């Protein structure tokens, strides 16, 4: 019963954190508020949740990574694949080597293998943390897509490095060839299994729906189960469950393009997934806060055992590691940019040098999160001879401190760093929207005319059908004629925005009247729900 109460309290903390951020007199980063509430919960219950890394990975990561892969813009992912892979592979290895030497030099009492294990687990950025921070920062869209792609793909690299560093600490040996082969299997098998699970499940669902039928909520439930299936199958085959969940989400976005799902299913599914994302994102940071009291006590004891009587060294170590990670990231990004500009000059194509604030923002945006925490908790408690694993509590605390400091630096630094930064417009999105609207209008007019001709042959109400078709065609013809007039694309979009505002205001007034009629029992609850649902669907088109 106490566990159930604790879960309910954690969910209430997630809800409360959103209100606290909005009513606070100054800007507060949402993840840090949730972490603070988690620490308060741990104090109120006199103990936090015992974090089992395997259960944590299974419950939280598959759905969140699946959703990130589903919603990430694919054109940006493939357009900037070179930069994303350089960050997801090269930067992680560079960080493991650089941070590993830094940690071992700073803390000689920590064995080299443990130092490199700590460096490996803090090297990958966390997609959930990155999304939480960048959602509140005025970050350029292209940079945002690169950061999201990096955080989705760099976990496998970091976890492989971590696994072999821990093995070296336990056994005293390390094989580069074995590590390379393991990484290839983890990455390629994980990606392949994620793609395969989504395609097989989607095909089976479509066949069953056509031949047997299905309940209205089945597609939504299946979409919730796919990431868990991909993750568990990949882990069973010793592949990367994380990459399998990501690949399943990316594949789902292509399955979605077939347009077989009903409109109401898509609306309901989006609402369900938004709720799942809110609950899991917030709960992850609340859980992180609940681990802090015990971690702090263990780390203080570990520091004293290493010869430093002053626990203030914990803050020094944590700050030095966090700044070192940011510096290594800045060096890698700067060198990669110089190399890209050099190659552009050799090809004879002009290269645009980004503002220095964007380079610094890329360094600060390397936010660590729950993957780092869950990974470091898998450090073994004992060595093969039965002695305690060296500096385990210290490593766990330093990883947690790096998470907190990276969140704080990004939450505070990114909005201030990017404020007022003028960037060149990216007209691609508006051009694509204009093209889609134009072609969609032509297809809509053709479909209306086709239905009109068919109805006229089978009905006596020819005038009614002609008038209704004329009104519908006029809506789309206006869109087409607008593009042929002298009005600029900006003026057309402005007119559409004004019309959208008016339509939303009218729909809100309709909904308020329906609610009022239901409150006064002039219409039934069933009628009011149906009408409000129709209004909500119409309003969703204009949001």
Protein backbone atom coordinates (compact mmCIF):
# COMPACT_ATOMS: atom_id res chain seq x y z
CA UNK A 1 0.00 0.00 0.00
CA UNK A 2 2.86 2.36 0.78
CA UNK A 3 4.32 1.80 -2.69
CA UNK A 4 1.01 2.70 -4.32
CA UNK A 5 0.77 5.84 -2.22
CA UNK A 6 4.31 6.79 -3.16
CA UNK A 7 3.55 6.41 -6.88
CA UNK A 8 0.44 8.58 -6.53
CA UNK A 9 2.43 11.21 -4.65
CA UNK A 10 5.05 11.20 -7.42
CA UNK A 11 2.39 11.75 -10.08
CA UNK A 12 0.92 14.58 -8.03
CA UNK A 13 4.41 16.08 -7.83
CA UNK A 14 4.60 16.03 -11.64
CA UNK A 15 1.29 17.90 -11.85
CA UNK A 16 2.30 20.34 -9.11
CA UNK A 17 5.64 21.10 -10.78
CA UNK A 18 3.86 22.52 -13.82
CA UNK A 19 1.83 24.92 -11.67
CA UNK A 20 4.85 25.92 -9.57
CA UNK A 21 6.82 26.88 -12.67
CA UNK A 22 3.96 29.09 -13.86
CA UNK A 23 3.23 30.87 -10.58
CA UNK A 24 6.85 31.43 -9.57
CA UNK A 25 7.90 35.11 -9.70
CA UNK A 26 11.04 34.16 -11.65
CA UNK A 27 11.89 31.58 -14.30
CA UNK A 28 12.40 28.09 -12.91
CA UNK A 29 13.58 25.11 -14.99
CA UNK A 30 10.86 22.46 -14.86
CA UNK A 31 13.25 19.46 -14.48
CA UNK A 32 14.99 21.07 -11.51
CA UNK A 33 11.64 21.78 -9.82
CA UNK A 34 10.69 18.12 -10.27
CA UNK A 35 14.03 16.99 -8.86
CA UNK A 36 13.52 19.22 -5.81
CA UNK A 37 10.02 17.81 -5.27
CA UNK A 38 11.47 14.30 -5.48
CA UNK A 39 13.97 15.11 -2.75
CA UNK A 40 11.12 16.44 -0.59
CA UNK A 41 9.13 13.25 -1.16
CA UNK A 42 12.12 11.15 -0.12
CA UNK A 43 12.38 13.20 3.09
CA UNK A 44 8.63 13.02 3.77
CA UNK A 45 8.49 9.24 3.32
CA UNK A 46 11.84 8.84 5.11
CA UNK A 47 13.16 6.91 2.12
CA UNK A 48 13.03 7.19 -1.62
CA UNK A 49 12.21 4.59 -4.25
CA UNK A 50 14.84 1.89 -4.60
CA UNK A 51 15.85 2.33 -8.23
CA UNK A 52 16.20 -0.97 -10.07
CA UNK A 53 18.04 -0.01 -13.30
CA UNK A 54 16.58 -2.86 -15.38
CA UNK A 55 12.99 -2.03 -14.40
CA UNK A 56 13.70 1.67 -14.84
CA UNK A 57 15.05 1.17 -18.36
CA UNK A 58 12.06 -1.02 -19.28
CA UNK A 59 9.29 1.18 -17.91
CA UNK A 60 10.52 4.63 -18.89
CA UNK A 61 12.93 4.58 -21.83
CA UNK A 62 11.11 2.53 -24.54
CA UNK A 63 7.95 4.69 -24.78
CA UNK A 64 9.81 8.01 -24.49
CA UNK A 65 12.48 7.10 -27.04
CA UNK A 66 9.84 5.61 -29.34
CA UNK A 67 7.86 8.85 -29.21
CA UNK A 68 10.96 10.97 -29.84
CA UNK A 69 11.85 8.82 -32.87
CA UNK A 70 8.25 9.02 -34.08
CA UNK A 71 8.03 12.81 -33.89
CA UNK A 72 11.54 13.91 -34.83
CA UNK A 73 11.60 15.58 -38.29
CA UNK A 74 13.00 12.99 -40.67
CA UNK A 75 14.22 15.48 -43.27
CA UNK A 76 16.46 17.12 -40.67
CA UNK A 77 17.60 13.74 -39.35
CA UNK A 78 18.84 12.58 -42.75
CA UNK A 79 20.00 15.99 -43.98
CA UNK A 80 22.32 16.45 -41.00
CA UNK A 81 23.20 12.78 -40.56
CA UNK A 82 26.94 13.54 -40.83
CA UNK A 83 26.89 16.03 -37.96
CA UNK A 84 24.58 13.80 -35.89
CA UNK A 85 26.76 10.70 -36.31
CA UNK A 86 29.90 12.70 -35.54
CA UNK A 87 28.35 13.78 -32.23
CA UNK A 88 26.78 10.40 -31.45
CA UNK A 89 29.92 8.35 -32.16
CA UNK A 90 33.05 10.46 -32.33
CA UNK A 91 32.21 12.92 -29.57
CA UNK A 92 31.26 10.14 -27.14
CA UNK A 93 34.59 8.33 -27.61
CA UNK A 94 36.49 11.64 -27.42
CA UNK A 95 34.64 12.49 -24.19
CA UNK A 96 35.28 9.08 -22.64
CA UNK A 97 39.02 9.39 -23.22
CA UNK A 98 39.34 13.03 -22.18
CA UNK A 99 37.03 12.91 -19.16
CA UNK A 100 38.44 9.55 -18.06
CA UNK A 101 41.97 10.94 -17.80
CA UNK A 102 40.66 14.10 -16.10
CA UNK A 103 38.74 12.15 -13.44
CA UNK A 104 41.62 9.77 -12.71
CA UNK A 105 44.07 12.68 -12.46
CA UNK A 106 41.74 14.58 -10.13
CA UNK A 107 40.83 11.58 -7.93
CA UNK A 108 43.85 9.23 -7.80
CA UNK A 109 42.02 7.03 -5.28
CA UNK A 110 39.53 6.12 -8.02
CA UNK A 111 41.00 3.33 -10.21
CA UNK A 112 41.54 4.21 -13.86
CA UNK A 113 38.95 1.67 -15.07
CA UNK A 114 36.30 3.11 -12.73
CA UNK A 115 37.20 6.66 -13.84
CA UNK A 116 36.70 5.67 -17.47
CA UNK A 117 33.43 3.92 -16.58
CA UNK A 118 32.20 7.14 -14.98
CA UNK A 119 33.34 9.15 -18.01
CA UNK A 120 31.52 6.72 -20.32
CA UNK A 121 28.20 6.91 -18.50
CA UNK A 122 28.21 10.73 -18.40
CA UNK A 123 29.25 11.03 -22.06
CA UNK A 124 25.85 10.47 -23.79
CA UNK A 125 23.29 13.24 -23.67
CA UNK A 126 19.78 12.32 -22.61
CA UNK A 127 16.90 12.78 -25.12
CA UNK A 128 14.33 13.41 -22.38
CA UNK A 129 16.48 16.03 -20.65
CA UNK A 130 17.43 17.66 -23.96
CA UNK A 131 13.75 17.90 -24.97
CA UNK A 132 12.80 19.33 -21.57
CA UNK A 133 15.43 22.07 -21.76
CA UNK A 134 15.24 23.00 -25.45
CA UNK A 135 11.44 23.26 -25.27
CA UNK A 136 11.88 26.40 -23.15
CA UNK A 137 14.86 27.93 -24.97
CA UNK A 138 14.74 29.97 -28.22
CA UNK A 139 17.01 27.51 -29.98
CA UNK A 140 17.24 27.38 -33.80
CA UNK A 141 15.23 24.54 -35.30
CA UNK A 142 18.10 23.01 -37.23
CA UNK A 143 20.35 22.95 -34.16
CA UNK A 144 17.47 21.50 -32.16
CA UNK A 145 17.03 18.66 -34.65
CA UNK A 146 20.77 17.90 -34.55
CA UNK A 147 20.73 17.78 -30.74
CA UNK A 148 17.65 15.55 -30.71
CA UNK A 149 19.18 13.17 -33.26
CA UNK A 150 22.44 13.03 -31.30
CA UNK A 151 20.71 12.26 -28.02
CA UNK A 152 18.69 9.46 -29.63
CA UNK A 153 21.72 7.69 -31.11
CA UNK A 154 24.62 8.27 -28.72
CA UNK A 155 23.34 6.04 -25.90
CA UNK A 156 24.60 2.85 -27.53
CA UNK A 157 28.13 4.24 -27.84
CA UNK A 158 28.21 5.43 -24.24
CA UNK A 159 26.73 2.23 -22.82
CA UNK A 160 29.16 0.02 -24.76
CA UNK A 161 32.11 2.06 -23.47
CA UNK A 162 30.65 1.88 -19.96
CA UNK A 163 30.14 -1.88 -20.15
CA UNK A 164 33.73 -2.57 -21.17
CA UNK A 165 35.18 -0.12 -18.66
CA UNK A 166 33.29 -1.92 -15.88
CA UNK A 167 34.50 -5.28 -17.23
CA UNK A 168 38.06 -3.95 -17.17
CA UNK A 169 37.60 -2.82 -13.56
CA UNK A 170 36.29 -6.24 -12.53
CA UNK A 171 38.59 -8.50 -14.57
CA UNK A 172 41.57 -6.25 -15.15
CA UNK A 173 41.57 -6.82 -18.94
CA UNK A 174 40.20 -5.02 -22.01
CA UNK A 175 39.88 -6.06 -25.67
CA UNK A 176 39.40 -3.37 -28.33
CA UNK A 177 38.44 -5.94 -30.96
CA UNK A 178 35.78 -7.47 -28.73
CA UNK A 179 34.43 -4.01 -27.86
CA UNK A 180 34.19 -3.06 -31.55
CA UNK A 181 32.33 -6.23 -32.50
CA UNK A 182 29.98 -5.85 -29.56
CA UNK A 183 29.20 -2.28 -30.57
CA UNK A 184 28.43 -3.28 -34.16
CA UNK A 185 26.06 -6.02 -33.00
CA UNK A 186 24.36 -3.76 -30.47
CA UNK A 187 23.82 -0.97 -32.98
CA UNK A 188 22.96 -2.85 -36.18
CA UNK A 189 20.86 -5.57 -34.56
CA UNK A 190 19.04 -3.04 -32.39
CA UNK A 191 18.16 -0.84 -35.34
CA UNK A 192 17.09 -3.81 -37.47
CA UNK A 193 14.91 -5.31 -34.76
CA UNK A 194 13.20 -1.97 -34.10
CA UNK A 195 12.33 -1.57 -37.77
CA UNK A 196 11.19 -5.19 -38.07
CA UNK A 197 8.93 -5.18 -35.02
CA UNK A 198 7.08 -2.05 -36.16
CA UNK A 199 6.58 -3.32 -39.70
CA UNK A 200 5.42 -6.78 -38.60
CA UNK A 201 3.03 -5.48 -35.95
CA UNK A 202 1.60 -2.81 -38.27
CA UNK A 203 1.07 -5.33 -41.07
CA UNK A 204 -0.59 -7.82 -38.72
CA UNK A 205 -2.82 -5.11 -37.27
CA UNK A 206 -3.87 -3.98 -40.75
CA UNK A 207 -4.67 -7.56 -41.86
CA UNK A 208 -6.69 -8.30 -38.73
CA UNK A 209 -8.57 -5.03 -39.03
CA UNK A 210 -9.53 -5.76 -42.64
CA UNK A 211 -10.59 -9.37 -42.07
CA UNK A 212 -11.89 -9.41 -38.49
CA UNK A 213 -12.40 -5.82 -37.40
CA UNK A 214 -11.10 -4.20 -34.22
CA UNK A 215 -12.14 -2.20 -31.19
CA UNK A 216 -11.81 1.56 -31.48
CA UNK A 217 -9.04 1.75 -28.87
CA UNK A 218 -6.96 -1.13 -30.23
CA UNK A 219 -4.68 0.94 -32.50
CA UNK A 220 -3.81 3.21 -29.58
CA UNK A 221 -3.01 0.30 -27.28
CA UNK A 222 -0.91 -1.36 -29.97
CA UNK A 223 1.10 1.82 -30.47
CA UNK A 224 1.80 1.82 -26.71
CA UNK A 225 2.97 -1.81 -26.79
CA UNK A 226 5.26 -1.62 -29.84
CA UNK A 227 8.19 0.12 -28.08
CA UNK A 228 8.15 -2.42 -25.23
CA UNK A 229 8.09 -5.31 -27.70
CA UNK A 230 11.03 -3.90 -29.68
CA UNK A 231 13.03 -3.16 -26.52
CA UNK A 232 12.46 -6.58 -24.90
CA UNK A 233 13.21 -8.51 -28.09
CA UNK A 234 16.45 -6.59 -28.65
CA UNK A 235 17.57 -7.06 -25.04
CA UNK A 236 16.75 -10.78 -25.27
CA UNK A 237 19.09 -11.04 -28.28
CA UNK A 238 21.83 -9.01 -26.55
CA UNK A 239 21.26 -6.03 -28.87
CA UNK A 240 20.58 -2.40 -27.96
CA UNK A 241 17.02 -2.06 -26.72
CA UNK A 242 17.44 1.71 -26.70
CA UNK A 243 18.25 1.86 -30.41
CA UNK A 244 15.49 -0.65 -31.11
CA UNK A 245 12.93 1.66 -29.47
CA UNK A 246 14.25 4.65 -31.43
CA UNK A 247 14.21 2.73 -34.72
CA UNK A 248 10.68 1.51 -33.99
CA UNK A 249 9.54 5.11 -33.52
CA UNK A 250 11.19 6.34 -36.72
CA UNK A 251 9.62 3.45 -38.65
CA UNK A 252 6.23 4.24 -37.09
CA UNK A 253 6.39 7.72 -38.58
CA UNK A 254 6.69 6.17 -42.05
CA UNK A 255 3.86 3.73 -41.35
CA UNK A 256 1.77 6.72 -40.32
CA UNK A 257 2.30 8.27 -43.77
CA UNK A 258 0.19 5.50 -45.32
CA UNK A 259 -2.84 7.35 -43.89
CA UNK A 260 -4.71 4.18 -42.92
CA UNK A 261 -5.52 5.34 -39.39
CA UNK A 262 -8.83 7.14 -38.86
CA UNK A 263 -8.77 10.86 -38.07
CA UNK A 264 -10.42 10.30 -34.69
CA UNK A 265 -7.85 7.60 -33.89
CA UNK A 266 -5.02 10.00 -34.62
CA UNK A 267 -6.54 12.70 -32.40
CA UNK A 268 -7.15 10.30 -29.52
CA UNK A 269 -3.74 8.67 -29.91
CA UNK A 270 -1.97 12.02 -29.82
CA UNK A 271 -3.80 12.90 -26.59
CA UNK A 272 -2.85 9.57 -24.99
CA UNK A 273 0.79 9.86 -25.99
CA UNK A 274 1.01 13.46 -24.76
CA UNK A 275 -0.27 12.31 -21.36
CA UNK A 276 2.18 9.40 -21.27
CA UNK A 277 5.05 11.72 -22.19
CA UNK A 278 4.13 14.24 -19.49
CA UNK A 279 3.80 11.58 -16.79
CA UNK A 280 6.96 9.64 -17.63
CA UNK A 281 9.15 12.69 -18.24
CA UNK A 282 8.18 14.24 -14.93
CA UNK A 283 8.36 11.00 -12.97
CA UNK A 284 11.90 10.37 -14.20
CA UNK A 285 13.13 13.65 -12.73
CA UNK A 286 11.13 13.13 -9.52
CA UNK A 287 12.80 9.72 -9.17
CA UNK A 288 16.16 11.37 -9.68
CA UNK A 289 15.44 13.75 -6.81
CA UNK A 290 14.44 10.86 -4.57
CA UNK A 291 17.86 9.26 -4.99
CA UNK A 292 19.76 12.36 -3.86
CA UNK A 293 19.69 12.02 -0.01
CA UNK A 294 21.08 8.47 0.05
CA UNK A 295 23.59 9.24 -2.69
CA UNK A 296 24.91 12.26 -0.82
CA UNK A 297 25.43 10.26 2.37
CA UNK A 298 27.26 7.50 0.51
CA UNK A 299 29.44 9.94 -1.42
CA UNK A 300 30.48 11.81 1.74
CA UNK A 301 31.57 8.52 3.30
CA UNK A 302 33.49 7.62 0.14
CA UNK A 303 35.30 10.99 0.08
CA UNK A 304 36.34 10.60 3.71
CA UNK A 305 37.66 7.13 3.01
CA UNK A 306 39.75 8.50 0.14
CA UNK A 307 41.54 10.86 2.52
CA UNK A 308 39.61 14.11 1.92
CA UNK A 309 37.96 14.98 5.21
CA UNK A 310 36.15 17.99 3.75
CA UNK A 311 33.00 16.99 1.84
CA UNK A 312 33.40 20.26 -0.07
CA UNK A 313 35.67 18.32 -2.39
CA UNK A 314 32.50 16.70 -3.76
CA UNK A 315 31.40 20.04 -5.17
CA UNK A 316 34.88 20.67 -6.61
CA UNK A 317 34.95 17.28 -8.34
CA UNK A 318 31.42 17.62 -9.72
CA UNK A 319 31.96 21.15 -11.04
CA UNK A 320 35.31 20.25 -12.61
CA UNK A 321 33.85 17.22 -14.40
CA UNK A 322 30.84 19.20 -15.68
CA UNK A 323 33.02 22.03 -16.99
CA UNK A 324 35.42 19.49 -18.50
CA UNK A 325 32.56 17.81 -20.37
CA UNK A 326 31.38 21.17 -21.72
CA UNK A 327 34.93 22.09 -22.78
CA UNK A 328 35.48 18.76 -24.55
CA UNK A 329 32.15 19.22 -26.34
CA UNK A 330 33.07 22.77 -27.38
CA UNK A 331 36.45 21.61 -28.74
CA UNK A 332 34.84 18.82 -30.76
CA UNK A 333 32.15 21.09 -32.22
CA UNK A 334 34.67 23.83 -33.06
CA UNK A 335 37.08 21.41 -34.78
CA UNK A 336 34.20 19.77 -36.69
CA UNK A 337 33.01 23.19 -37.87
CA UNK A 338 36.47 24.25 -39.02
CA UNK A 339 36.81 20.97 -40.90
CA UNK A 340 33.41 21.43 -42.58
CA UNK A 341 34.29 25.01 -43.63
CA UNK A 342 37.64 23.84 -45.01
CA UNK A 343 35.97 21.10 -47.08
CA UNK A 344 33.38 23.62 -48.34
CA UNK A 345 36.14 25.99 -49.52
CA UNK A 346 37.91 23.16 -51.32
CA UNK A 347 34.67 22.32 -53.14
CA UNK A 348 34.24 25.97 -54.05
CA UNK A 349 30.96 26.32 -52.17
CA UNK A 350 30.55 29.25 -49.77
CA UNK A 351 30.33 28.18 -46.15
CA UNK A 352 28.48 30.21 -43.54
CA UNK A 353 30.26 30.54 -40.23
CA UNK A 354 27.73 30.36 -37.39
CA UNK A 355 27.66 32.89 -34.59
CA UNK A 356 29.95 32.09 -31.66
CA UNK A 357 26.91 32.03 -29.39
CA UNK A 358 25.55 29.06 -31.32
CA UNK A 359 28.79 27.17 -30.72
CA UNK A 360 28.60 27.89 -27.02
CA UNK A 361 24.90 26.95 -26.98
CA UNK A 362 25.74 23.59 -28.57
CA UNK A 363 28.20 22.96 -25.75
CA UNK A 364 25.74 23.91 -23.02
CA UNK A 365 22.97 21.83 -24.60
CA UNK A 366 24.83 18.61 -23.80
CA UNK A 367 22.41 17.78 -20.98
CA UNK A 368 22.73 14.53 -19.05
CA UNK A 369 19.70 12.80 -17.58
CA UNK A 370 18.04 9.59 -16.51
CA UNK A 371 20.06 7.31 -18.80
CA UNK A 372 23.22 8.41 -17.00
CA UNK A 373 21.61 7.85 -13.60
CA UNK A 374 20.19 4.42 -14.42
CA UNK A 375 23.44 3.36 -16.08
CA UNK A 376 25.70 4.31 -13.17
CA UNK A 377 23.38 2.47 -10.77
CA UNK A 378 24.31 -0.78 -12.56
CA UNK A 379 27.85 -0.57 -11.19
CA UNK A 380 28.43 -3.82 -9.28
CA UNK A 381 28.41 -3.74 -5.51
CA UNK A 382 31.21 -6.28 -5.06
CA UNK A 383 34.34 -7.40 -6.87
CA UNK A 384 34.85 -11.09 -7.75
CA UNK A 385 36.86 -11.58 -4.53
CA UNK A 386 34.02 -10.21 -2.39
CA UNK A 387 35.55 -6.81 -1.67
CA UNK A 388 33.44 -3.68 -2.27
CA UNK A 389 33.59 -2.19 -5.76
CA UNK A 390 36.08 0.70 -5.48
CA UNK A 391 34.61 4.24 -5.22
CA UNK A 392 31.14 3.09 -6.27
CA UNK A 393 29.23 5.56 -4.09
CA UNK A 394 31.48 8.40 -5.21
CA UNK A 395 30.96 7.52 -8.89
CA UNK A 396 27.18 7.37 -8.42
CA UNK A 397 27.11 10.73 -6.68
CA UNK A 398 29.38 12.43 -9.24
CA UNK A 399 27.18 11.16 -12.10
CA UNK A 400 24.12 12.54 -10.32
CA UNK A 401 25.85 15.86 -9.68
CA UNK A 402 26.82 16.13 -13.35
CA UNK A 403 23.15 15.60 -14.28
CA UNK A 404 22.03 18.37 -11.95
CA UNK A 405 24.76 20.82 -12.97
CA UNK A 406 24.28 20.22 -16.70
CA UNK A 407 20.53 20.76 -16.29
CA UNK A 408 21.14 23.94 -14.31
CA UNK A 409 23.72 25.33 -16.76
CA UNK A 410 21.50 24.64 -19.77
CA UNK A 411 18.31 25.89 -18.11
CA UNK A 412 19.87 29.15 -17.00
CA UNK A 413 22.43 29.67 -19.74
CA UNK A 414 20.67 28.76 -22.98
CA UNK A 415 17.78 31.29 -22.82
CA UNK A 416 20.17 34.10 -21.91
CA UNK A 417 22.78 33.06 -24.44
CA UNK A 418 20.34 32.89 -27.37
CA UNK A 419 18.18 35.87 -26.40
CA UNK A 420 18.14 38.48 -29.14
CA UNK A 421 20.25 36.39 -31.51
CA UNK A 422 19.15 37.17 -35.08
CA UNK A 423 19.34 34.16 -37.37
CA UNK A 424 18.67 33.87 -41.10
CA UNK A 425 15.19 32.61 -41.88
CA UNK A 426 14.68 29.10 -43.10
CA UNK A 427 12.01 29.49 -45.80
CA UNK A 428 11.84 25.79 -46.60
CA UNK A 429 9.02 25.05 -44.17
CA UNK A 430 6.74 27.85 -45.41
CA UNK A 431 7.44 26.93 -49.05
CA UNK A 432 6.58 23.30 -48.36
CA UNK A 433 3.37 24.36 -46.58
CA UNK A 434 2.35 26.57 -49.53
CA UNK A 435 3.00 23.72 -51.98
CA UNK A 436 1.02 21.23 -49.87
CA UNK A 437 -1.92 23.62 -49.49
CA UNK A 438 -1.96 24.36 -53.23
CA UNK A 439 -1.88 20.72 -54.33
CA UNK A 440 -4.36 19.72 -51.61
CA UNK A 441 -6.79 22.41 -52.79
CA UNK A 442 -6.62 21.16 -56.39
CA UNK A 443 -7.27 17.58 -55.26
CA UNK A 444 -10.14 18.71 -53.01
CA UNK A 445 -11.87 20.59 -55.85
CA UNK A 446 -11.53 17.57 -58.14
CA UNK A 447 -12.98 15.28 -55.44
CA UNK A 448 -15.94 17.61 -54.81
CA UNK A 449 -16.72 17.82 -58.53
CA UNK A 450 -16.54 14.03 -58.83
CA UNK A 451 -18.93 13.48 -55.92
CA UNK A 452 -21.23 16.21 -57.25
CA UNK A 453 -21.53 14.53 -60.66
CA UNK A 454 -22.26 11.17 -59.03
CA UNK A 455 -24.90 12.63 -56.71
CA UNK A 456 -26.63 14.58 -59.47
CA UNK A 457 -27.32 11.35 -61.36
CA UNK A 458 -29.00 9.80 -58.31
CA UNK A 459 -30.98 12.65 -56.73
CA UNK A 460 -33.74 15.10 -57.53
CA UNK A 461 -32.27 17.85 -55.30
CA UNK A 462 -29.92 19.09 -58.00
CA UNK A 463 -30.06 22.73 -56.88
CA UNK A 464 -29.14 21.88 -53.28
CA UNK A 465 -26.16 19.78 -54.37
CA UNK A 466 -24.98 22.42 -56.81
CA UNK A 467 -25.15 25.19 -54.23
CA UNK A 468 -23.39 23.11 -51.56
CA UNK A 469 -20.64 22.09 -53.99
CA UNK A 470 -20.18 25.70 -55.08
CA UNK A 471 -19.68 26.82 -51.48
CA UNK A 472 -17.11 24.11 -50.79
CA UNK A 473 -15.27 24.72 -54.07
CA UNK A 474 -15.20 28.46 -53.34
CA UNK A 475 -13.23 27.84 -50.13
CA UNK A 476 -10.50 26.02 -52.03
CA UNK A 477 -10.63 28.26 -55.08
CA UNK A 478 -9.94 31.24 -52.84
CA UNK A 479 -6.73 29.56 -51.70
CA UNK A 480 -5.68 28.93 -55.31
CA UNK A 481 -6.66 32.41 -56.52
CA UNK A 482 -4.76 33.98 -53.63
CA UNK A 483 -1.55 32.47 -54.92
CA UNK A 484 -2.22 33.86 -58.40
CA UNK A 485 -2.87 37.44 -57.29
CA UNK A 486 -0.32 40.05 -56.47
CA UNK A 487 -0.48 39.31 -52.77
CA UNK A 488 2.76 38.15 -51.22
CA UNK A 489 3.04 34.80 -49.45
CA UNK A 490 3.48 36.68 -46.19
CA UNK A 491 0.23 38.60 -46.71
CA UNK A 492 -1.63 35.39 -47.50
CA UNK A 493 -0.34 33.70 -44.38
CA UNK A 494 -1.27 36.78 -42.36
CA UNK A 495 -4.80 36.69 -43.76
CA UNK A 496 -5.03 32.99 -42.95
CA UNK A 497 -3.87 33.70 -39.41
CA UNK A 498 -6.55 36.36 -38.97
CA UNK A 499 -9.20 34.02 -40.34
CA UNK A 500 -7.93 31.23 -38.07
CA UNK A 501 -8.22 33.51 -35.05
CA UNK A 502 -11.82 34.39 -35.98
CA UNK A 503 -12.74 30.75 -36.56
CA UNK A 504 -11.25 29.73 -33.18
CA UNK A 505 -13.17 32.51 -31.43
CA UNK A 506 -16.40 31.36 -33.09
CA UNK A 507 -15.80 27.74 -32.12
CA UNK A 508 -15.06 28.71 -28.52
CA UNK A 509 -18.34 30.62 -28.40
CA UNK A 510 -20.17 27.59 -29.81
CA UNK A 511 -18.64 25.34 -27.19
CA UNK A 512 -19.53 27.69 -24.34
CA UNK A 513 -23.16 27.75 -25.49
CA UNK A 514 -23.27 23.94 -25.64
CA UNK A 515 -21.80 23.70 -22.13
CA UNK A 516 -24.29 26.27 -20.88
CA UNK A 517 -27.23 24.36 -22.36
CA UNK A 518 -25.98 21.16 -20.73
CA UNK A 519 -25.52 22.89 -17.37
CA UNK A 520 -29.12 24.05 -17.49
CA UNK A 521 -30.28 20.58 -18.60
CA UNK A 522 -31.71 21.85 -21.86
CA UNK A 523 -29.74 19.18 -23.73
CA UNK A 524 -28.51 15.78 -22.52
CA UNK A 525 -24.95 15.00 -21.48
CA UNK A 526 -24.63 12.61 -24.39
CA UNK A 527 -25.62 15.32 -26.88
CA UNK A 528 -23.30 17.86 -25.30
CA UNK A 529 -20.33 15.45 -25.39
CA UNK A 530 -20.93 14.65 -29.05
CA UNK A 531 -21.24 18.31 -30.04
CA UNK A 532 -18.21 19.37 -28.00
CA UNK A 533 -16.20 16.56 -29.58
CA UNK A 534 -17.09 17.85 -33.05
CA UNK A 535 -16.13 21.40 -32.06
CA UNK A 536 -12.85 20.19 -30.53
CA UNK A 537 -11.92 18.34 -33.72
CA UNK A 538 -12.68 21.42 -35.80
CA UNK A 539 -10.69 23.67 -33.47
CA UNK A 540 -7.74 21.25 -33.59
CA UNK A 541 -7.43 22.08 -37.29
CA UNK A 542 -6.76 25.73 -36.52
CA UNK A 543 -4.31 25.30 -33.62
